């Protein structure tokens, strides 16, 4: 049977959402196989698994599957208890302009923006906390931390432990001697926060570069 491309699936899902009066804007990020949505554009719906399930479904079942996907698009809420979400917390590195872009998006959409908790990481980037599962990712807001009764620092400690516990991956040396993160799990840049992982790369006085949120490079400070 016909198996649509990822782009065609994303278009079908967004069209179904519009027909279902889904109120939030949606953007298809083809490079990362996901849809960005939510009241403030900070809700991420990963499409890889959903696309495979859609292609495997019988033609007659595909409209029902799209309706099932709507539950993921609509559910931007998080569990009310911290214990129910702690296993899914991961640290995420974002550009310092990230929070400002959310504020602008909210202003244009006429919605209020709940404060995003973030810790400075250098001049241009910040650390935020993500709730990550198989099909979606959300950034934790200050209001959500208040609901959980947990400080940003305590939640970040849990997120760092979760990141450290992810098996596999590591740094690999490129032909020019630069060490390149090879986790390929959308959190490569977050390993910058794990000093023990950086130490195991075996570089004396390392300098890190984050070309994108999904990549990290290491090189000795003395290299030119």
C-alpha atoms as a PDB file:
ATOM      1  CA  UNK A   1       0.000   0.000   0.000  1.00  0.00           C
ATOM      2  CA  UNK A   2       1.000   3.620  -0.489  1.00  0.00           C
ATOM      3  CA  UNK A   3       3.461   4.919   2.123  1.00  0.00           C
ATOM      4  CA  UNK A   4       3.666   8.733   2.208  1.00  0.00           C
ATOM      5  CA  UNK A   5       6.886  10.595   2.864  1.00  0.00           C
ATOM      6  CA  UNK A   6       7.537  12.155   6.248  1.00  0.00           C
ATOM      7  CA  UNK A   7       6.682  15.566   4.787  1.00  0.00           C
ATOM      8  CA  UNK A   8       3.360  14.308   3.399  1.00  0.00           C
ATOM      9  CA  UNK A   9       2.537  12.749   6.785  1.00  0.00           C
ATOM     10  CA  UNK A  10       3.352  15.996   8.589  1.00  0.00           C
ATOM     11  CA  UNK A  11       1.161  17.939   6.157  1.00  0.00           C
ATOM     12  CA  UNK A  12      -1.688  15.464   6.624  1.00  0.00           C
ATOM     13  CA  UNK A  13      -1.427  15.710  10.412  1.00  0.00           C
ATOM     14  CA  UNK A  14      -1.331  19.515  10.418  1.00  0.00           C
ATOM     15  CA  UNK A  15      -4.256  19.692   7.995  1.00  0.00           C
ATOM     16  CA  UNK A  16      -6.233  17.321  10.234  1.00  0.00           C
ATOM     17  CA  UNK A  17      -5.355  19.491  13.235  1.00  0.00           C
ATOM     18  CA  UNK A  18      -6.642  22.607  11.483  1.00  0.00           C
ATOM     19  CA  UNK A  19      -9.879  20.851  10.549  1.00  0.00           C
ATOM     20  CA  UNK A  20     -10.188  19.849  14.210  1.00  0.00           C
ATOM     21  CA  UNK A  21      -9.933  23.521  15.285  1.00  0.00           C
ATOM     22  CA  UNK A  22      -6.493  23.104  16.820  1.00  0.00           C
ATOM     23  CA  UNK A  23      -5.759  26.646  17.964  1.00  0.00           C
ATOM     24  CA  UNK A  24      -1.976  26.753  18.122  1.00  0.00           C
ATOM     25  CA  UNK A  25       0.415  27.512  15.244  1.00  0.00           C
ATOM     26  CA  UNK A  26       2.364  24.576  13.826  1.00  0.00           C
ATOM     27  CA  UNK A  27       5.676  24.428  11.984  1.00  0.00           C
ATOM     28  CA  UNK A  28       7.166  21.357  10.306  1.00  0.00           C
ATOM     29  CA  UNK A  29      10.891  21.048  11.020  1.00  0.00           C
ATOM     30  CA  UNK A  30      11.982  18.685   8.233  1.00  0.00           C
ATOM     31  CA  UNK A  31      15.627  18.558   9.317  1.00  0.00           C
ATOM     32  CA  UNK A  32      14.734  17.131  12.721  1.00  0.00           C
ATOM     33  CA  UNK A  33      11.541  15.273  11.739  1.00  0.00           C
ATOM     34  CA  UNK A  34       9.246  17.086  14.129  1.00  0.00           C
ATOM     35  CA  UNK A  35       6.419  19.596  14.468  1.00  0.00           C
ATOM     36  CA  UNK A  36       6.857  22.673  16.664  1.00  0.00           C
ATOM     37  CA  UNK A  37       3.622  23.824  18.276  1.00  0.00           C
ATOM     38  CA  UNK A  38       2.111  24.808  21.619  1.00  0.00           C
ATOM     39  CA  UNK A  39       0.795  28.154  22.762  1.00  0.00           C
ATOM     40  CA  UNK A  40       4.339  29.527  22.823  1.00  0.00           C
ATOM     41  CA  UNK A  41       5.956  27.357  20.165  1.00  0.00           C
ATOM     42  CA  UNK A  42       7.870  25.346  22.765  1.00  0.00           C
ATOM     43  CA  UNK A  43       6.050  22.016  22.352  1.00  0.00           C
ATOM     44  CA  UNK A  44       7.848  19.491  20.147  1.00  0.00           C
ATOM     45  CA  UNK A  45       6.147  16.491  18.562  1.00  0.00           C
ATOM     46  CA  UNK A  46       8.635  13.972  17.196  1.00  0.00           C
ATOM     47  CA  UNK A  47       7.370  12.388  13.985  1.00  0.00           C
ATOM     48  CA  UNK A  48       9.697   9.463  13.253  1.00  0.00           C
ATOM     49  CA  UNK A  49       7.786   6.806  15.211  1.00  0.00           C
ATOM     50  CA  UNK A  50       4.384   8.263  14.360  1.00  0.00           C
ATOM     51  CA  UNK A  51       5.243   8.306  10.654  1.00  0.00           C
ATOM     52  CA  UNK A  52       6.248   4.639  10.729  1.00  0.00           C
ATOM     53  CA  UNK A  53       3.024   3.678  12.516  1.00  0.00           C
ATOM     54  CA  UNK A  54       0.991   5.708  10.012  1.00  0.00           C
ATOM     55  CA  UNK A  55       2.674   3.962   7.072  1.00  0.00           C
ATOM     56  CA  UNK A  56       2.061   0.557   8.667  1.00  0.00           C
ATOM     57  CA  UNK A  57      -1.633   1.279   9.268  1.00  0.00           C
ATOM     58  CA  UNK A  58      -4.249   0.143   6.764  1.00  0.00           C
ATOM     59  CA  UNK A  59      -5.610   2.934   4.572  1.00  0.00           C
ATOM     60  CA  UNK A  60      -8.995   2.706   6.282  1.00  0.00           C
ATOM     61  CA  UNK A  61      -7.365   3.118   9.700  1.00  0.00           C
ATOM     62  CA  UNK A  62      -5.231   6.161   8.884  1.00  0.00           C
ATOM     63  CA  UNK A  63      -7.887   8.829   9.639  1.00  0.00           C
ATOM     64  CA  UNK A  64      -8.378   7.262  13.057  1.00  0.00           C
ATOM     65  CA  UNK A  65      -4.613   7.235  13.590  1.00  0.00           C
ATOM     66  CA  UNK A  66      -4.427  10.972  12.800  1.00  0.00           C
ATOM     67  CA  UNK A  67      -7.086  11.561  15.438  1.00  0.00           C
ATOM     68  CA  UNK A  68      -4.971   9.581  17.908  1.00  0.00           C
ATOM     69  CA  UNK A  69      -2.028  11.850  17.066  1.00  0.00           C
ATOM     70  CA  UNK A  70      -4.203  14.824  17.993  1.00  0.00           C
ATOM     71  CA  UNK A  71      -4.040  13.682  21.605  1.00  0.00           C
ATOM     72  CA  UNK A  72      -0.284  14.289  21.497  1.00  0.00           C
ATOM     73  CA  UNK A  73      -0.707  17.716  19.887  1.00  0.00           C
ATOM     74  CA  UNK A  74      -3.347  18.768  22.401  1.00  0.00           C
ATOM     75  CA  UNK A  75      -1.656  17.403  25.502  1.00  0.00           C
ATOM     76  CA  UNK A  76       0.791  20.145  26.427  1.00  0.00           C
ATOM     77  CA  UNK A  77       0.190  19.596  30.136  1.00  0.00           C
ATOM     78  CA  UNK A  78       2.653  17.813  32.362  1.00  0.00           C
ATOM     79  CA  UNK A  79       2.059  15.518  35.351  1.00  0.00           C
ATOM     80  CA  UNK A  80       1.170  17.288  38.563  1.00  0.00           C
ATOM     81  CA  UNK A  81       3.600  15.235  40.662  1.00  0.00           C
ATOM     82  CA  UNK A  82       7.354  15.576  40.252  1.00  0.00           C
ATOM     83  CA  UNK A  83       7.859  11.856  40.904  1.00  0.00           C
ATOM     84  CA  UNK A  84       5.758  11.059  37.836  1.00  0.00           C
ATOM     85  CA  UNK A  85       8.035  13.028  35.520  1.00  0.00           C
ATOM     86  CA  UNK A  86      11.539  12.892  37.021  1.00  0.00           C
ATOM     87  CA  UNK A  87      12.632   9.919  34.877  1.00  0.00           C
ATOM     88  CA  UNK A  88      11.894  11.963  31.728  1.00  0.00           C
ATOM     89  CA  UNK A  89      13.817  15.098  32.665  1.00  0.00           C
ATOM     90  CA  UNK A  90      16.871  16.001  30.588  1.00  0.00           C
ATOM     91  CA  UNK A  91      18.962  19.176  30.365  1.00  0.00           C
ATOM     92  CA  UNK A  92      18.807  21.098  27.103  1.00  0.00           C
ATOM     93  CA  UNK A  93      21.134  23.818  25.842  1.00  0.00           C
ATOM     94  CA  UNK A  94      19.472  26.676  24.004  1.00  0.00           C
ATOM     95  CA  UNK A  95      20.542  30.035  22.607  1.00  0.00           C
ATOM     96  CA  UNK A  96      20.107  32.913  25.041  1.00  0.00           C
ATOM     97  CA  UNK A  97      17.658  34.383  22.536  1.00  0.00           C
ATOM     98  CA  UNK A  98      15.413  31.326  23.015  1.00  0.00           C
ATOM     99  CA  UNK A  99      13.298  32.778  25.827  1.00  0.00           C
ATOM    100  CA  UNK A 100      13.045  36.113  24.040  1.00  0.00           C
ATOM    101  CA  UNK A 101      11.833  34.423  20.862  1.00  0.00           C
ATOM    102  CA  UNK A 102       9.130  32.667  22.895  1.00  0.00           C
ATOM    103  CA  UNK A 103       8.048  35.993  24.362  1.00  0.00           C
ATOM    104  CA  UNK A 104       7.801  37.531  20.906  1.00  0.00           C
ATOM    105  CA  UNK A 105       5.833  34.563  19.564  1.00  0.00           C
ATOM    106  CA  UNK A 106       3.455  34.798  22.492  1.00  0.00           C
ATOM    107  CA  UNK A 107       3.022  38.538  21.986  1.00  0.00           C
ATOM    108  CA  UNK A 108       2.143  38.107  18.308  1.00  0.00           C
ATOM    109  CA  UNK A 109      -0.236  35.262  19.177  1.00  0.00           C
ATOM    110  CA  UNK A 110      -1.863  37.316  21.922  1.00  0.00           C
ATOM    111  CA  UNK A 111      -1.065  34.763  24.620  1.00  0.00           C
ATOM    112  CA  UNK A 112       0.675  35.084  27.951  1.00  0.00           C
ATOM    113  CA  UNK A 113       4.051  33.431  28.288  1.00  0.00           C
ATOM    114  CA  UNK A 114       4.778  31.431  31.423  1.00  0.00           C
ATOM    115  CA  UNK A 115       8.321  32.174  32.543  1.00  0.00           C
ATOM    116  CA  UNK A 116      10.934  29.732  31.291  1.00  0.00           C
ATOM    117  CA  UNK A 117      13.463  28.765  33.951  1.00  0.00           C
ATOM    118  CA  UNK A 118      17.005  28.869  32.612  1.00  0.00           C
ATOM    119  CA  UNK A 119      20.562  29.030  33.908  1.00  0.00           C
ATOM    120  CA  UNK A 120      23.224  31.059  32.045  1.00  0.00           C
ATOM    121  CA  UNK A 121      25.888  28.981  30.290  1.00  0.00           C
ATOM    122  CA  UNK A 122      28.400  31.372  28.784  1.00  0.00           C
ATOM    123  CA  UNK A 123      27.469  34.581  27.015  1.00  0.00           C
ATOM    124  CA  UNK A 124      25.243  33.193  24.289  1.00  0.00           C
ATOM    125  CA  UNK A 125      23.554  30.059  25.627  1.00  0.00           C
ATOM    126  CA  UNK A 126      21.449  28.949  28.570  1.00  0.00           C
ATOM    127  CA  UNK A 127      20.509  25.646  30.162  1.00  0.00           C
ATOM    128  CA  UNK A 128      16.836  24.695  30.382  1.00  0.00           C
ATOM    129  CA  UNK A 129      15.101  21.529  31.517  1.00  0.00           C
ATOM    130  CA  UNK A 130      13.146  19.377  29.087  1.00  0.00           C
ATOM    131  CA  UNK A 131      10.541  16.700  29.646  1.00  0.00           C
ATOM    132  CA  UNK A 132      11.275  14.150  26.944  1.00  0.00           C
ATOM    133  CA  UNK A 133       9.349  11.063  25.908  1.00  0.00           C
ATOM    134  CA  UNK A 134       9.097   8.977  22.755  1.00  0.00           C
ATOM    135  CA  UNK A 135       6.826  11.346  20.836  1.00  0.00           C
ATOM    136  CA  UNK A 136       7.217  14.826  22.304  1.00  0.00           C
ATOM    137  CA  UNK A 137       9.401  17.223  24.250  1.00  0.00           C
ATOM    138  CA  UNK A 138       8.394  20.200  26.400  1.00  0.00           C
ATOM    139  CA  UNK A 139      10.464  22.837  28.171  1.00  0.00           C
ATOM    140  CA  UNK A 140       9.764  23.128  31.899  1.00  0.00           C
ATOM    141  CA  UNK A 141       8.467  26.538  32.960  1.00  0.00           C
ATOM    142  CA  UNK A 142       8.882  28.333  36.258  1.00  0.00           C
ATOM    143  CA  UNK A 143       5.168  27.833  36.911  1.00  0.00           C
ATOM    144  CA  UNK A 144       5.536  24.081  36.430  1.00  0.00           C
ATOM    145  CA  UNK A 145       8.408  23.959  38.921  1.00  0.00           C
ATOM    146  CA  UNK A 146       6.194  25.794  41.411  1.00  0.00           C
ATOM    147  CA  UNK A 147       3.459  23.208  40.861  1.00  0.00           C
ATOM    148  CA  UNK A 148       5.933  20.418  41.548  1.00  0.00           C
ATOM    149  CA  UNK A 149       7.354  22.225  44.582  1.00  0.00           C
ATOM    150  CA  UNK A 150      10.881  21.724  43.229  1.00  0.00           C
ATOM    151  CA  UNK A 151      13.615  24.287  42.637  1.00  0.00           C
ATOM    152  CA  UNK A 152      15.256  24.697  39.249  1.00  0.00           C
ATOM    153  CA  UNK A 153      18.560  23.517  40.722  1.00  0.00           C
ATOM    154  CA  UNK A 154      17.060  20.322  42.154  1.00  0.00           C
ATOM    155  CA  UNK A 155      15.263  19.492  38.908  1.00  0.00           C
ATOM    156  CA  UNK A 156      18.429  20.180  36.914  1.00  0.00           C
ATOM    157  CA  UNK A 157      20.409  17.795  39.132  1.00  0.00           C
ATOM    158  CA  UNK A 158      17.884  15.049  38.310  1.00  0.00           C
ATOM    159  CA  UNK A 159      18.046  15.903  34.600  1.00  0.00           C
ATOM    160  CA  UNK A 160      21.858  15.730  34.618  1.00  0.00           C
ATOM    161  CA  UNK A 161      21.797  12.336  36.328  1.00  0.00           C
ATOM    162  CA  UNK A 162      19.352  11.086  33.703  1.00  0.00           C
ATOM    163  CA  UNK A 163      21.581  12.362  30.901  1.00  0.00           C
ATOM    164  CA  UNK A 164      24.653  10.760  32.438  1.00  0.00           C
ATOM    165  CA  UNK A 165      22.818   7.420  32.659  1.00  0.00           C
ATOM    166  CA  UNK A 166      21.975   7.239  28.943  1.00  0.00           C
ATOM    167  CA  UNK A 167      24.035   4.349  27.529  1.00  0.00           C
ATOM    168  CA  UNK A 168      26.208   4.460  24.422  1.00  0.00           C
ATOM    169  CA  UNK A 169      27.668   7.353  22.510  1.00  0.00           C
ATOM    170  CA  UNK A 170      30.781   9.343  23.289  1.00  0.00           C
ATOM    171  CA  UNK A 171      33.349  11.538  21.599  1.00  0.00           C
ATOM    172  CA  UNK A 172      35.069  10.388  18.409  1.00  0.00           C
ATOM    173  CA  UNK A 173      38.155  11.970  16.871  1.00  0.00           C
ATOM    174  CA  UNK A 174      37.715  13.531  13.436  1.00  0.00           C
ATOM    175  CA  UNK A 175      40.544  13.472  10.847  1.00  0.00           C
ATOM    176  CA  UNK A 176      41.567  17.016  11.831  1.00  0.00           C
ATOM    177  CA  UNK A 177      41.907  16.022  15.479  1.00  0.00           C
ATOM    178  CA  UNK A 178      38.719  17.652  16.757  1.00  0.00           C
ATOM    179  CA  UNK A 179      36.616  15.504  19.079  1.00  0.00           C
ATOM    180  CA  UNK A 180      33.004  15.256  17.891  1.00  0.00           C
ATOM    181  CA  UNK A 181      30.043  14.187  20.013  1.00  0.00           C
ATOM    182  CA  UNK A 182      28.559  10.967  18.680  1.00  0.00           C
ATOM    183  CA  UNK A 183      25.447  10.371  20.772  1.00  0.00           C
ATOM    184  CA  UNK A 184      23.003  11.500  18.055  1.00  0.00           C
ATOM    185  CA  UNK A 185      20.116  11.711  20.505  1.00  0.00           C
ATOM    186  CA  UNK A 186      19.320  15.455  20.237  1.00  0.00           C
ATOM    187  CA  UNK A 187      21.185  16.093  23.506  1.00  0.00           C
ATOM    188  CA  UNK A 188      24.800  16.013  22.306  1.00  0.00           C
ATOM    189  CA  UNK A 189      25.331  19.672  23.225  1.00  0.00           C
ATOM    190  CA  UNK A 190      24.011  19.004  26.726  1.00  0.00           C
ATOM    191  CA  UNK A 191      27.078  16.850  27.468  1.00  0.00           C
ATOM    192  CA  UNK A 192      28.905  20.142  27.911  1.00  0.00           C
ATOM    193  CA  UNK A 193      27.252  20.176  31.342  1.00  0.00           C
ATOM    194  CA  UNK A 194      28.855  16.852  32.354  1.00  0.00           C
ATOM    195  CA  UNK A 195      32.436  17.568  33.410  1.00  0.00           C
ATOM    196  CA  UNK A 196      33.164  13.850  33.860  1.00  0.00           C
ATOM    197  CA  UNK A 197      32.120  13.128  30.267  1.00  0.00           C
ATOM    198  CA  UNK A 198      34.254  16.014  28.974  1.00  0.00           C
ATOM    199  CA  UNK A 199      37.204  14.718  31.029  1.00  0.00           C
ATOM    200  CA  UNK A 200      36.908  11.254  29.478  1.00  0.00           C
ATOM    201  CA  UNK A 201      37.438  12.795  26.033  1.00  0.00           C
ATOM    202  CA  UNK A 202      41.119  12.934  27.000  1.00  0.00           C
ATOM    203  CA  UNK A 203      41.798  16.534  25.962  1.00  0.00           C
ATOM    204  CA  UNK A 204      43.952  18.750  28.158  1.00  0.00           C
ATOM    205  CA  UNK A 205      42.459  22.215  28.713  1.00  0.00           C
ATOM    206  CA  UNK A 206      39.545  21.602  26.312  1.00  0.00           C
ATOM    207  CA  UNK A 207      37.574  24.291  24.521  1.00  0.00           C
ATOM    208  CA  UNK A 208      34.019  23.383  23.521  1.00  0.00           C
ATOM    209  CA  UNK A 209      31.959  24.606  20.585  1.00  0.00           C
ATOM    210  CA  UNK A 210      28.246  24.034  20.031  1.00  0.00           C
ATOM    211  CA  UNK A 211      27.541  24.604  16.300  1.00  0.00           C
ATOM    212  CA  UNK A 212      23.917  23.486  16.798  1.00  0.00           C
ATOM    213  CA  UNK A 213      21.848  22.327  19.753  1.00  0.00           C
ATOM    214  CA  UNK A 214      22.359  18.753  18.525  1.00  0.00           C
ATOM    215  CA  UNK A 215      26.158  18.809  18.269  1.00  0.00           C
ATOM    216  CA  UNK A 216      29.289  19.476  20.320  1.00  0.00           C
ATOM    217  CA  UNK A 217      32.971  19.784  19.379  1.00  0.00           C
ATOM    218  CA  UNK A 218      36.036  19.691  21.624  1.00  0.00           C
ATOM    219  CA  UNK A 219      39.594  20.798  20.899  1.00  0.00           C
ATOM    220  CA  UNK A 220      42.659  21.745  23.003  1.00  0.00           C
ATOM    221  CA  UNK A 221      42.757  25.422  23.920  1.00  0.00           C
ATOM    222  CA  UNK A 222      46.227  25.762  22.416  1.00  0.00           C
ATOM    223  CA  UNK A 223      45.203  24.615  18.936  1.00  0.00           C
ATOM    224  CA  UNK A 224      44.974  27.261  16.228  1.00  0.00           C
END
